[in-house]
Protein backbone atom coordinates (compact mmCIF):
# COMPACT_ATOMS: atom_id res chain seq x y z
CA MET A 1 -20.40 25.67 -8.51
CA LYS A 2 -19.89 22.34 -10.27
CA ASN A 3 -20.82 19.11 -8.53
CA ARG A 4 -17.63 17.54 -7.22
CA GLU A 5 -16.59 14.58 -5.15
CA ILE A 6 -15.81 15.86 -1.65
CA LYS A 7 -12.62 14.31 -0.34
CA ARG A 8 -10.69 14.72 2.90
CA THR A 9 -8.36 17.22 1.26
CA VAL A 10 -6.78 20.28 2.87
CA ALA A 11 -4.98 22.95 0.81
CA ILE A 12 -2.41 25.37 2.23
CA VAL A 13 -2.48 28.70 0.36
CA GLY A 14 -1.11 32.20 0.73
CA ARG A 15 1.29 34.66 -0.81
CA PRO A 16 4.94 33.70 -1.43
CA ASN A 17 7.57 33.14 1.25
CA ILE A 18 5.39 33.02 4.37
CA GLY A 19 6.20 29.46 5.45
CA LYS A 20 3.56 27.37 3.67
CA SER A 21 6.02 24.59 2.85
CA ALA A 22 7.43 24.63 6.38
CA LEU A 23 3.88 24.26 7.72
CA PHE A 24 3.21 21.46 5.21
CA ASN A 25 6.33 19.59 6.35
CA ARG A 26 5.44 20.09 10.02
CA ILE A 27 1.98 18.58 9.52
CA VAL A 28 3.09 15.56 7.49
CA GLY A 29 5.97 14.97 9.90
CA ARG A 30 8.80 14.87 7.41
CA ARG A 31 10.56 17.08 4.89
CA VAL A 32 8.55 16.74 1.67
CA SER A 33 8.43 20.27 0.25
CA ILE A 34 11.66 22.21 -0.22
CA VAL A 35 11.91 25.08 2.27
CA HIS A 36 14.13 28.03 1.38
CA GLU A 37 14.20 31.80 1.78
CA GLU A 38 14.08 32.25 -2.00
CA CYS A 39 10.61 33.26 -3.18
CA GLY A 40 8.70 30.95 -5.50
CA VAL A 41 10.48 27.70 -4.62
CA THR A 42 7.16 25.81 -4.60
CA ARG A 43 5.36 26.18 -7.93
CA ASP A 44 3.33 23.04 -8.52
CA ARG A 45 0.90 21.41 -6.14
CA VAL A 46 2.73 19.06 -3.80
CA VAL A 47 0.33 16.41 -2.49
CA CYS A 48 0.94 14.05 0.41
CA ASN A 49 -1.15 11.72 2.56
CA ALA A 50 -1.04 12.91 6.16
CA VAL A 51 -2.12 11.51 9.52
CA TRP A 52 -2.90 13.67 12.53
CA ASP A 53 -4.42 12.33 15.75
CA GLU A 54 -5.10 9.05 13.90
CA GLN A 55 -7.13 10.86 11.23
CA HIS A 56 -6.08 10.40 7.60
CA PHE A 57 -6.37 13.20 5.05
CA GLU A 58 -4.70 14.57 1.93
CA LEU A 59 -2.60 17.71 2.29
CA ILE A 60 -1.70 20.02 -0.61
CA ASP A 61 1.16 22.52 -0.56
CA THR A 62 0.76 25.24 -3.18
CA GLY A 63 2.93 27.89 -4.73
CA GLY A 64 2.73 31.45 -3.47
CA LEU A 65 -0.07 33.39 -5.15
CA GLY A 66 1.39 36.11 -7.35
CA THR A 67 -0.45 39.34 -8.07
CA MET A 68 -3.93 38.71 -9.40
CA ASP A 69 -4.49 42.19 -10.85
CA SER A 70 -5.76 41.97 -14.41
CA GLY A 71 -3.33 44.66 -15.50
CA SER A 72 -0.21 42.86 -14.32
CA ALA A 73 2.38 41.50 -16.71
CA HIS A 74 1.72 37.92 -17.77
CA ASP A 75 4.53 35.69 -16.63
CA ILE A 76 4.07 32.04 -17.56
CA ILE A 77 5.45 30.73 -14.26
CA VAL A 78 3.35 33.11 -12.13
CA ASP A 79 0.21 32.48 -14.19
CA SER A 80 0.69 28.71 -14.08
CA THR A 81 1.36 28.77 -10.33
CA ASN A 82 -1.84 30.76 -9.75
CA GLN A 83 -3.74 28.26 -11.87
CA GLN A 84 -2.34 25.36 -9.83
CA VAL A 85 -3.47 27.10 -6.62
CA ALA A 86 -6.95 27.61 -8.08
CA VAL A 87 -7.22 23.89 -8.84
CA ALA A 88 -6.04 23.03 -5.32
CA ILE A 89 -8.73 25.30 -3.83
CA GLU A 90 -11.35 23.65 -6.04
CA ASP A 91 -10.23 20.19 -4.90
CA ALA A 92 -10.05 21.06 -1.19
CA ALA A 93 -12.69 20.40 1.47
CA ALA A 94 -10.96 22.89 3.78
CA ILE A 95 -8.27 25.54 3.37
CA ILE A 96 -5.46 26.74 5.59
CA PHE A 97 -4.84 30.38 4.67
CA THR A 98 -1.29 31.14 5.80
CA VAL A 99 -0.03 34.64 6.62
CA ASP A 100 3.09 36.09 8.25
CA ILE A 101 2.24 37.36 11.74
CA THR A 102 5.41 39.49 11.81
CA ALA A 103 4.49 41.39 8.64
CA GLY A 104 0.89 42.26 9.45
CA ILE A 105 -1.83 42.37 6.81
CA LEU A 106 -0.45 43.16 3.36
CA PRO A 107 -2.46 44.00 0.21
CA MET A 108 -1.71 40.56 -1.23
CA ASP A 109 -3.18 38.92 1.89
CA GLU A 110 -6.38 40.89 1.30
CA GLU A 111 -6.48 39.72 -2.32
CA VAL A 112 -6.04 36.09 -1.27
CA ALA A 113 -8.77 36.51 1.37
CA LEU A 114 -11.16 37.83 -1.28
CA LEU A 115 -10.40 34.87 -3.52
CA LEU A 116 -11.02 32.41 -0.68
CA ARG A 117 -14.33 34.02 0.31
CA ARG A 118 -15.53 33.52 -3.25
CA ALA A 119 -14.44 29.87 -3.19
CA GLY A 120 -17.01 28.96 -0.55
CA ARG A 121 -14.79 26.54 1.38
CA PRO A 122 -14.19 26.47 5.15
CA VAL A 123 -11.09 28.63 5.68
CA PHE A 124 -8.80 28.63 8.72
CA LEU A 125 -6.23 31.41 8.97
CA ALA A 126 -2.81 30.28 10.21
CA ALA A 127 -0.84 33.28 11.48
CA ASN A 128 2.60 31.76 11.03
CA LYS A 129 5.87 32.73 12.71
CA ALA A 130 4.19 33.09 16.12
CA ASP A 131 7.37 31.69 17.64
CA ASN A 132 6.54 32.87 21.17
CA MET A 133 3.56 33.92 23.28
CA GLU A 134 4.37 37.63 22.85
CA ARG A 135 3.69 37.33 19.12
CA ASP A 136 0.33 35.61 19.64
CA ASP A 137 -1.31 38.98 20.47
CA SER A 138 -0.40 40.27 17.00
CA SER A 139 -2.71 37.68 15.44
CA VAL A 140 -5.82 39.62 16.48
CA GLU A 141 -5.59 42.08 13.59
CA PHE A 142 -5.98 39.24 11.04
CA ALA A 143 -9.55 38.64 12.24
CA GLN A 144 -10.65 41.50 9.99
CA LEU A 145 -10.00 39.21 7.01
CA GLY A 146 -13.11 37.29 8.05
CA PHE A 147 -11.74 33.88 9.05
CA PRO A 148 -11.00 32.18 12.39
CA VAL A 149 -7.39 32.95 13.34
CA PHE A 150 -4.88 30.50 14.80
CA PRO A 151 -1.38 31.73 15.78
CA VAL A 152 1.10 28.99 14.85
CA SER A 153 4.81 28.44 14.41
CA ALA A 154 5.76 25.96 11.70
CA LEU A 155 9.37 26.28 12.88
CA HIS A 156 8.69 25.30 16.51
CA GLY A 157 5.40 23.41 16.15
CA ARG A 158 3.43 25.87 18.31
CA GLY A 159 -0.35 25.92 17.85
CA ILE A 160 -0.43 23.27 15.13
CA ASP A 161 -2.62 20.89 17.15
CA VAL A 162 -5.26 23.55 17.85
CA LEU A 163 -5.32 24.55 14.17
CA LEU A 164 -5.68 20.98 12.92
CA ASP A 165 -8.39 20.11 15.45
CA ALA A 166 -10.49 22.84 13.85
CA VAL A 167 -9.53 21.95 10.27
CA LEU A 168 -10.20 18.23 10.63
CA SER A 169 -13.63 18.88 12.16
CA ALA A 170 -14.63 20.50 8.84
CA LEU A 171 -13.68 17.47 6.71
CA PRO A 172 -16.15 14.79 5.56
CA GLU A 173 -16.10 11.39 7.19
CA ALA A 174 -13.21 9.16 6.19
CA PRO A 175 -14.02 6.53 3.52
CA PRO A 176 -13.01 2.90 4.05
CA PRO A 177 -9.25 2.47 3.47
CA GLU A 178 -8.23 1.31 0.01
CA GLU A 179 -6.62 -2.11 -0.17
CA ASN A 180 -4.84 -1.38 -3.44
CA LYS A 181 -1.28 -0.18 -3.00
CA PRO A 182 -0.43 2.13 -5.91
CA LEU A 183 2.58 1.44 -8.10
CA ARG A 184 5.12 4.21 -7.51
CA VAL A 185 6.55 5.51 -10.81
CA ALA A 186 9.28 8.18 -10.76
CA VAL A 187 9.93 10.17 -13.94
CA VAL A 188 13.50 11.52 -13.92
CA GLY A 189 15.78 13.30 -16.36
CA ARG A 190 17.70 16.45 -17.07
CA PRO A 191 15.98 19.86 -17.03
CA ASN A 192 13.66 20.50 -19.98
CA SER A 193 13.62 16.88 -21.14
CA GLY A 194 9.81 16.90 -21.04
CA LYS A 195 9.05 15.19 -17.72
CA SER A 196 6.15 17.45 -16.78
CA SER A 197 4.75 17.35 -20.32
CA TYR A 198 4.86 13.55 -20.19
CA ILE A 199 3.03 13.51 -16.83
CA ASN A 200 0.39 15.91 -18.14
CA ARG A 201 -0.11 13.80 -21.27
CA LEU A 202 -0.64 10.70 -19.10
CA LEU A 203 -3.16 12.52 -16.91
CA LYS A 204 -4.79 14.30 -19.88
CA ASN A 205 -4.68 17.65 -18.06
CA ASP A 206 -2.18 20.35 -17.07
CA ARG A 207 -1.48 18.89 -13.63
CA VAL A 208 2.09 20.22 -13.47
CA ILE A 209 3.52 23.45 -14.81
CA VAL A 210 5.23 23.25 -18.20
CA SER A 211 7.37 25.95 -19.78
CA ASP A 212 10.42 26.26 -22.01
CA ILE A 213 12.38 27.59 -19.03
CA PRO A 214 14.70 24.85 -17.66
CA GLY A 215 14.15 24.20 -13.96
CA THR A 216 10.45 25.09 -13.91
CA THR A 217 9.75 22.09 -11.67
CA ARG A 218 11.60 22.65 -8.40
CA ASP A 219 10.35 19.81 -6.19
CA SER A 220 9.24 16.19 -6.54
CA ILE A 221 5.48 16.11 -7.03
CA GLU A 222 3.42 12.99 -6.32
CA ILE A 223 0.20 12.55 -8.26
CA PRO A 224 -2.32 9.69 -7.91
CA PHE A 225 -3.28 8.19 -11.27
CA THR A 226 -5.82 5.43 -11.99
CA ILE A 227 -6.65 3.55 -15.17
CA GLY A 228 -9.98 1.77 -15.29
CA SER A 229 -12.48 1.33 -12.47
CA GLY A 230 -13.68 -1.25 -9.99
CA PRO A 231 -11.65 -4.33 -9.08
CA GLN A 232 -9.78 -4.19 -12.40
CA ALA A 233 -8.54 -0.62 -11.88
CA ARG A 234 -4.78 -0.05 -11.94
CA HIS A 235 -3.50 2.47 -9.41
CA TYR A 236 -0.30 4.50 -9.77
CA GLN A 237 1.54 7.20 -7.84
CA LEU A 238 3.34 9.30 -10.45
CA ILE A 239 6.35 11.25 -9.20
CA ASP A 240 7.38 14.22 -11.34
CA THR A 241 10.89 15.23 -10.31
CA ALA A 242 12.97 18.34 -10.77
CA GLY A 243 15.46 18.15 -13.61
CA VAL A 244 18.81 16.99 -12.24
CA ASN A 245 21.52 19.55 -12.90
CA ARG A 246 25.25 19.13 -12.76
CA ARG A 247 26.42 20.23 -9.32
CA ASN A 248 29.00 23.00 -9.27
CA ARG A 249 30.00 26.01 -7.20
CA ARG A 250 27.34 28.15 -8.85
CA SER A 251 24.52 25.77 -7.93
CA GLY A 252 22.15 27.34 -5.43
CA ALA A 253 20.57 25.71 -2.41
CA VAL A 254 17.27 25.15 -4.23
CA GLU A 255 19.00 23.29 -7.06
CA HIS A 256 20.94 21.27 -4.49
CA TYR A 257 17.80 20.18 -2.65
CA SER A 258 15.97 19.57 -5.94
CA ASN A 259 18.71 17.13 -6.95
CA ILE A 260 18.56 15.40 -3.57
CA ARG A 261 14.76 15.12 -3.79
CA ALA A 262 14.98 13.60 -7.28
CA GLU A 263 17.42 10.99 -5.98
CA GLU A 264 15.12 10.25 -3.02
CA SER A 265 12.26 9.78 -5.49
CA ILE A 266 14.29 7.10 -7.27
CA ASP A 267 14.89 5.33 -3.95
CA SER A 268 11.16 5.32 -3.12
CA ALA A 269 9.93 4.22 -6.57
CA ASP A 270 8.97 0.78 -7.83
CA VAL A 271 9.70 1.69 -11.47
CA VAL A 272 11.75 4.61 -12.79
CA VAL A 273 11.26 6.18 -16.22
CA LEU A 274 14.51 7.82 -17.34
CA LEU A 275 13.43 10.46 -19.85
CA MET A 276 15.97 11.73 -22.38
CA ASP A 277 15.82 14.38 -25.08
CA ALA A 278 15.89 12.78 -28.55
CA ALA A 279 17.61 15.76 -30.14
CA GLU A 280 20.39 15.98 -27.56
CA GLY A 281 20.93 12.31 -26.79
CA PRO A 282 22.29 11.03 -23.46
CA LYS A 283 24.45 13.53 -21.58
CA LEU A 284 26.63 13.13 -18.50
CA GLN A 285 23.71 13.78 -16.14
CA ASP A 286 21.62 11.13 -17.90
CA LYS A 287 24.41 8.63 -17.30
CA LYS A 288 24.65 9.63 -13.64
CA LEU A 289 20.92 9.17 -13.25
CA ALA A 290 21.17 5.78 -14.94
CA ALA A 291 23.90 4.82 -12.48
CA LYS A 292 21.74 6.02 -9.57
CA ILE A 293 18.83 3.87 -10.80
CA LEU A 294 21.13 0.87 -11.04
CA GLU A 295 22.57 1.56 -7.58
CA ALA A 296 19.05 1.83 -6.11
CA LYS A 297 18.15 -1.52 -7.76
CA LYS A 298 14.94 -0.22 -9.33
CA GLY A 299 12.92 -1.36 -12.31
CA CYS A 300 13.78 0.93 -15.21
CA ILE A 301 12.50 2.12 -18.58
CA LEU A 302 14.53 4.27 -20.96
CA ALA A 303 12.23 6.73 -22.74
CA VAL A 304 13.49 8.96 -25.56
CA ASN A 305 11.15 11.95 -25.64
CA LYS A 306 10.53 14.55 -28.39
CA TRP A 307 10.85 11.88 -31.08
CA ASP A 308 8.57 14.03 -33.29
CA LEU A 309 11.46 16.52 -33.62
CA THR A 310 13.63 13.95 -35.41
CA ASP A 311 11.38 13.76 -38.48
CA GLU A 312 13.54 16.26 -40.35
CA THR A 313 16.78 14.40 -39.55
CA GLU A 314 15.46 11.10 -40.94
CA VAL A 315 17.14 9.20 -38.09
CA THR A 316 15.37 5.90 -37.47
CA GLN A 317 14.81 4.15 -34.17
CA THR A 318 16.91 1.24 -35.45
CA GLN A 319 19.84 3.62 -35.98
CA TYR A 320 19.34 5.52 -32.72
CA GLU A 321 19.09 2.61 -30.30
CA PRO A 322 22.61 1.10 -30.70
CA ALA A 323 24.23 4.49 -30.15
CA LEU A 324 22.19 5.11 -27.00
CA ARG A 325 22.85 1.61 -25.65
CA LYS A 326 26.55 2.20 -26.10
CA GLU A 327 26.36 5.30 -23.88
CA VAL A 328 24.55 3.53 -21.00
CA PRO A 329 25.66 -0.11 -21.31
CA PHE A 330 24.98 -0.88 -17.65
CA LEU A 331 21.24 -0.45 -18.30
CA ASP A 332 21.21 -2.80 -21.26
CA PHE A 333 18.45 -4.80 -19.51
CA ALA A 334 16.06 -1.80 -19.52
CA PRO A 335 13.49 -1.62 -22.35
CA LEU A 336 13.78 1.38 -24.65
CA LEU A 337 10.77 3.32 -25.94
CA PHE A 338 10.58 6.33 -28.25
CA ILE A 339 7.80 8.75 -27.30
CA SER A 340 6.47 12.24 -27.86
CA ALA A 341 4.70 13.91 -24.96
CA LYS A 342 3.64 16.65 -27.35
CA SER A 343 1.95 14.48 -30.00
CA GLY A 344 1.05 11.55 -27.75
CA PHE A 345 3.16 9.07 -29.72
CA ASN A 346 3.64 5.84 -27.71
CA ILE A 347 2.26 7.34 -24.48
CA ARG A 348 -0.24 4.50 -24.05
CA ARG A 349 2.54 2.03 -24.83
CA SER A 350 4.67 3.59 -22.06
CA VAL A 351 1.99 2.75 -19.46
CA GLU A 352 1.85 -0.82 -20.73
CA LEU A 353 5.64 -0.97 -20.45
CA ILE A 354 5.54 0.38 -16.88
CA ASP A 355 3.09 -2.38 -15.94
CA TYR A 356 5.26 -4.96 -17.68
CA VAL A 357 8.46 -3.92 -15.90
CA ALA A 358 6.62 -3.82 -12.55
CA ASP A 359 5.55 -7.43 -13.13
CA GLN A 360 9.11 -8.41 -14.07
CA VAL A 361 10.49 -6.88 -10.87
CA GLN A 362 8.11 -9.06 -8.83
CA MET A 363 8.55 -12.25 -10.86
CA LYS A 364 8.90 -15.54 -8.97
CA LEU A 365 11.52 -17.85 -10.52
CA THR A 366 10.81 -21.57 -10.48
CA THR A 367 13.53 -23.18 -8.36
CA GLY A 368 13.96 -26.24 -10.56
CA VAL A 369 14.25 -24.20 -13.75
CA LEU A 370 16.61 -21.72 -12.04
CA ASN A 371 19.00 -24.49 -11.01
CA ARG A 372 18.89 -26.03 -14.48
CA VAL A 373 19.72 -22.63 -16.03
CA ILE A 374 22.70 -22.18 -13.67
CA HIS A 375 23.91 -25.73 -14.33
CA ASP A 376 23.64 -25.37 -18.12
CA ALA A 377 25.40 -22.00 -18.01
CA MET A 378 28.34 -23.42 -16.08
CA GLU A 379 28.55 -26.37 -18.47
CA LYS A 380 28.65 -24.01 -21.43
CA TYR A 381 31.13 -21.59 -19.88
CA PRO A 382 33.02 -23.04 -16.87
CA PRO A 383 34.03 -20.56 -14.16
CA PRO A 384 37.63 -19.33 -14.02
CA ILE A 385 40.19 -20.93 -11.73
CA VAL A 386 40.76 -18.84 -8.60
CA LYS A 387 43.58 -19.85 -6.24
CA GLY A 388 43.87 -23.21 -7.91
CA ARG A 389 40.20 -24.20 -7.81
CA PRO A 390 37.04 -23.21 -9.73
CA LEU A 391 33.79 -21.94 -8.31
CA LYS A 392 31.19 -24.61 -7.62
CA VAL A 393 27.48 -23.83 -7.33
CA TYR A 394 25.62 -26.52 -5.38
CA TYR A 395 22.18 -24.98 -5.28
CA ALA A 396 20.33 -21.78 -6.25
CA THR A 397 17.08 -20.32 -4.97
CA GLN A 398 15.27 -17.01 -5.25
CA SER A 399 15.31 -15.13 -1.95
CA GLY A 400 13.38 -11.97 -2.81
CA THR A 401 11.81 -9.62 -5.34
CA GLY A 402 12.08 -5.94 -6.14
CA PRO A 403 14.89 -6.47 -7.15
CA ILE A 404 15.19 -10.14 -8.08
CA TYR A 405 17.49 -11.69 -5.47
CA VAL A 406 19.03 -15.07 -6.20
CA LYS A 407 21.00 -16.88 -3.50
CA LEU A 408 23.66 -19.34 -4.65
CA PHE A 409 25.24 -21.83 -2.26
CA VAL A 410 28.87 -22.29 -3.34
CA ASN A 411 32.12 -23.86 -2.26
CA ASN A 412 33.93 -20.54 -1.79
CA THR A 413 32.46 -17.05 -2.21
CA LEU A 414 35.88 -15.59 -3.08
CA ARG A 415 35.92 -17.60 -6.32
CA ALA A 416 32.86 -15.74 -7.67
CA THR A 417 34.46 -13.12 -9.92
CA SER A 418 32.52 -10.03 -11.00
CA SER A 419 32.71 -11.00 -14.68
CA TYR A 420 31.31 -14.46 -13.95
CA LYS A 421 28.49 -12.91 -11.90
CA ARG A 422 27.53 -10.81 -14.92
CA PHE A 423 27.61 -13.90 -17.12
CA LEU A 424 25.26 -15.79 -14.79
CA ILE A 425 22.89 -12.82 -14.57
CA ASN A 426 22.74 -12.62 -18.37
CA GLU A 427 21.97 -16.35 -18.57
CA ILE A 428 19.19 -15.96 -16.02
CA ARG A 429 17.76 -13.08 -18.07
CA LYS A 430 17.84 -15.17 -21.24
CA ALA A 431 15.81 -17.86 -19.51
CA PHE A 432 13.28 -15.75 -17.59
CA GLY A 433 13.18 -12.42 -19.44
CA LEU A 434 13.24 -9.98 -16.50
CA GLU A 435 13.32 -7.02 -18.88
CA GLY A 436 13.77 -3.82 -16.91
CA ALA A 437 14.23 -5.68 -13.62
CA PRO A 438 17.51 -5.58 -11.69
CA VAL A 439 18.95 -8.96 -10.70
CA GLU A 440 21.22 -9.41 -7.70
CA LEU A 441 23.23 -12.57 -6.99
CA LYS A 442 24.27 -13.40 -3.45
CA PHE A 443 26.92 -16.09 -3.02
CA VAL A 444 26.91 -17.86 0.33
CA PRO A 445 28.98 -20.83 1.60
CA ARG A 446 27.17 -24.16 1.52
CA PRO A 447 26.18 -25.28 5.04
CA ARG A 448 28.30 -28.16 6.37
CA PRO A 449 26.17 -30.19 8.82
CA ASP A 450 29.21 -32.17 9.99
CA LEU A 451 31.10 -28.99 10.90
CA GLU A 452 28.04 -27.49 12.62
CA GLU A 453 27.65 -30.63 14.71
CA LYS A 454 31.35 -30.54 15.62
CA LYS A 455 31.03 -26.92 16.74
CA LYS A 456 28.09 -27.80 18.97
CA ARG A 457 30.02 -30.65 20.60
CA ASN A 458 33.02 -28.40 21.25
CA ALA A 459 30.90 -25.57 22.64
């Protein structure tokens, strides 16, 4: 066995459709993995930091192990899922081997048990679906697989505490908590736009499953990623999302939840990379994702992937960019980068751009310069007359970051038209840059000390 760094990592493994994801969600205390009766919903490793009884550890949900017979047909999804499970077992300090107590021991359970015995990790067998005490007795037969057995119910939470007490006792001591908060980067796009290939190119390994079959990634997968070491290291949490499909009557429940999870990933991110296919250009779903990013007020990068495929068309980046900008004009502030996850073109540059946008989102605007920019903008282009009077801005100050919030004290908030708001935002961008960072203006009435004093006297 290779020397490896032992971490407080627990992997949940087993054959398909036995409740691994439900158990994962029960332990972490929220719905992270998609749970559905359809087999094979989870394919990649889904990793999440968990806390149980004040103990911190990393929990991995894995895809169901397909047949491991050497004579079986080679299916790219099944093979890749098995490979992901093997990596999770290698990374784990302890393993929760999940079985279905209502089904008894099946041949696939025996195959998984053999694999786990060879792995040499502490293994704890979770006999799931023990929804009542009567079913607990059925767990005895699983002892013949050679591991300590714990009847549990992921659905009702039965037996989870006893199981985890045993599992956590097998983990190494917890290291000191890290002070560095990782930058959360969500990679979103339509199916087959190359999101997983891009993630794998960044990580320089096959961390997530890649195939030509659209919809290979079914859930949002979070992956820690670090560049450098020591105090200068940069820490990231990459989020590979399922490709967002157009919702229609034929969409299944898995696709529905995949879309919801991708949208939730946007909401939780610091920076979002919207990945588009160079050959196909922006489609309706790309535009909807762009609108979602704008609505969530997130830092954004537009990345056109598969640029290597355009060599034969002789289309240049200078020709391509105006057409793309025309399709998503509301993200005109987002930087655009042409990349190739396959060849590695501009991949390093994309990380630099992620860092740059993250800095822009957190930029602090100098109050004096901000007020001068607003004043000069209103001198150059006076506000429109609304109900007989123009808008007056007395003072501006930044009130927050992520996004950039600017509070403007005005004579009347109703005189701030949407078109004039956009004009002021553009002027602020010209002065401060803020490339990729959303800017929000909040107009508030200027305080009137004389009126406040009068109210107090009349109270």
